[in-house]
Amino acid sequence: NTMKTIPLNKLPKGELFRLTANGTVYVKGHYVASDKTFSCHKFDDTNSERFLKASRVVYCGFTF
């Protein structure tokens, strides 16, 4: 598998991604329409929630 970059809004809900090539693994959550962001949490810590813009480019397609 080769890692590729993709805008966050093109990634399916529940998909794993990274913000940097070798960074922390996150899971894409639900869309927050009022903020135009997606809720995302760390793979190993569901209490660590972040809200990222839909246009944010993320890394996916890696072996985990």
C-alpha atoms as a PDB file:
ATOM      1  CA  ASN A   1       0.000   0.000   0.000  1.00  0.00           C
ATOM      2  CA  THR A   2       1.213   3.462  -0.850  1.00  0.00           C
ATOM      3  CA  MET A   3       0.302   6.465   1.224  1.00  0.00           C
ATOM      4  CA  LYS A   4      -1.570   9.262  -0.548  1.00  0.00           C
ATOM      5  CA  THR A   5      -2.979  12.670   0.337  1.00  0.00           C
ATOM      6  CA  ILE A   6      -6.661  13.557   0.089  1.00  0.00           C
ATOM      7  CA  PRO A   7      -8.932  16.350   1.387  1.00  0.00           C
ATOM      8  CA  LEU A   8     -10.689  15.292   4.590  1.00  0.00           C
ATOM      9  CA  ASN A   9     -14.162  15.766   3.082  1.00  0.00           C
ATOM     10  CA  LYS A  10     -13.411  13.078   0.434  1.00  0.00           C
ATOM     11  CA  LEU A  11     -12.541  10.485   3.088  1.00  0.00           C
ATOM     12  CA  PRO A  12     -15.360   8.143   4.251  1.00  0.00           C
ATOM     13  CA  LYS A  13     -16.631   8.385   7.846  1.00  0.00           C
ATOM     14  CA  GLY A  14     -14.753   6.029  10.172  1.00  0.00           C
ATOM     15  CA  GLU A  15     -11.662   5.957   7.949  1.00  0.00           C
ATOM     16  CA  LEU A  16      -8.158   6.168   9.441  1.00  0.00           C
ATOM     17  CA  PHE A  17      -5.842   9.038   8.499  1.00  0.00           C
ATOM     18  CA  ARG A  18      -2.810  11.012   9.621  1.00  0.00           C
ATOM     19  CA  LEU A  19      -2.193  14.760   9.640  1.00  0.00           C
ATOM     20  CA  THR A  20       1.490  14.250   8.805  1.00  0.00           C
ATOM     21  CA  ALA A  21       3.196  11.363   7.011  1.00  0.00           C
ATOM     22  CA  ASN A  22       4.453   9.739  10.236  1.00  0.00           C
ATOM     23  CA  GLY A  23       2.064  11.338  12.718  1.00  0.00           C
ATOM     24  CA  THR A  24      -0.672  10.158  15.043  1.00  0.00           C
ATOM     25  CA  VAL A  25      -3.468   8.038  13.555  1.00  0.00           C
ATOM     26  CA  TYR A  26      -6.948   9.623  13.679  1.00  0.00           C
ATOM     27  CA  VAL A  27     -10.463   8.390  12.885  1.00  0.00           C
ATOM     28  CA  LYS A  28     -12.834  10.610  10.897  1.00  0.00           C
ATOM     29  CA  GLY A  29     -16.118  11.270  12.683  1.00  0.00           C
ATOM     30  CA  HIS A  30     -19.266  13.271  12.029  1.00  0.00           C
ATOM     31  CA  TYR A  31     -19.683  16.589  10.217  1.00  0.00           C
ATOM     32  CA  VAL A  32     -20.448  19.703  12.274  1.00  0.00           C
ATOM     33  CA  ALA A  33     -22.448  21.922   9.917  1.00  0.00           C
ATOM     34  CA  SER A  34     -22.393  25.023  12.145  1.00  0.00           C
ATOM     35  CA  ASP A  35     -18.569  25.096  12.104  1.00  0.00           C
ATOM     36  CA  LYS A  36     -18.074  23.452   8.688  1.00  0.00           C
ATOM     37  CA  THR A  37     -15.643  20.995  10.297  1.00  0.00           C
ATOM     38  CA  PHE A  38     -15.316  17.262  10.899  1.00  0.00           C
ATOM     39  CA  SER A  39     -15.015  15.726  14.350  1.00  0.00           C
ATOM     40  CA  CYS A  40     -11.954  13.469  14.538  1.00  0.00           C
ATOM     41  CA  HIS A  41     -10.396  11.514  17.405  1.00  0.00           C
ATOM     42  CA  LYS A  42      -7.137   9.677  17.984  1.00  0.00           C
ATOM     43  CA  PHE A  43      -7.308   5.970  17.137  1.00  0.00           C
ATOM     44  CA  ASP A  44      -6.160   4.946  20.618  1.00  0.00           C
ATOM     45  CA  ASP A  45      -7.898   7.721  22.617  1.00  0.00           C
ATOM     46  CA  THR A  46     -11.563   8.415  21.844  1.00  0.00           C
ATOM     47  CA  ASN A  47     -11.603  11.272  24.372  1.00  0.00           C
ATOM     48  CA  SER A  48      -9.056  13.226  22.327  1.00  0.00           C
ATOM     49  CA  GLU A  49     -11.386  14.989  19.883  1.00  0.00           C
ATOM     50  CA  ARG A  50     -10.337  17.567  17.289  1.00  0.00           C
ATOM     51  CA  PHE A  51     -12.342  19.551  14.774  1.00  0.00           C
ATOM     52  CA  LEU A  52     -10.688  19.870  11.370  1.00  0.00           C
ATOM     53  CA  LYS A  53     -11.726  21.878   8.323  1.00  0.00           C
ATOM     54  CA  ALA A  54     -13.242  19.849   5.495  1.00  0.00           C
ATOM     55  CA  SER A  55     -10.569  21.112   3.088  1.00  0.00           C
ATOM     56  CA  ARG A  56      -7.672  19.929   5.306  1.00  0.00           C
ATOM     57  CA  VAL A  57      -5.363  17.615   3.334  1.00  0.00           C
ATOM     58  CA  VAL A  58      -4.644  14.371   5.214  1.00  0.00           C
ATOM     59  CA  TYR A  59      -2.615  11.199   4.604  1.00  0.00           C
ATOM     60  CA  CYS A  60      -4.420   7.904   4.041  1.00  0.00           C
ATOM     61  CA  GLY A  61      -3.761   4.492   2.485  1.00  0.00           C
ATOM     62  CA  PHE A  62      -0.984   3.541   4.900  1.00  0.00           C
ATOM     63  CA  THR A  63      -0.397   0.182   6.573  1.00  0.00           C
ATOM     64  CA  PHE A  64      -1.302   0.371  10.237  1.00  0.00           C
END
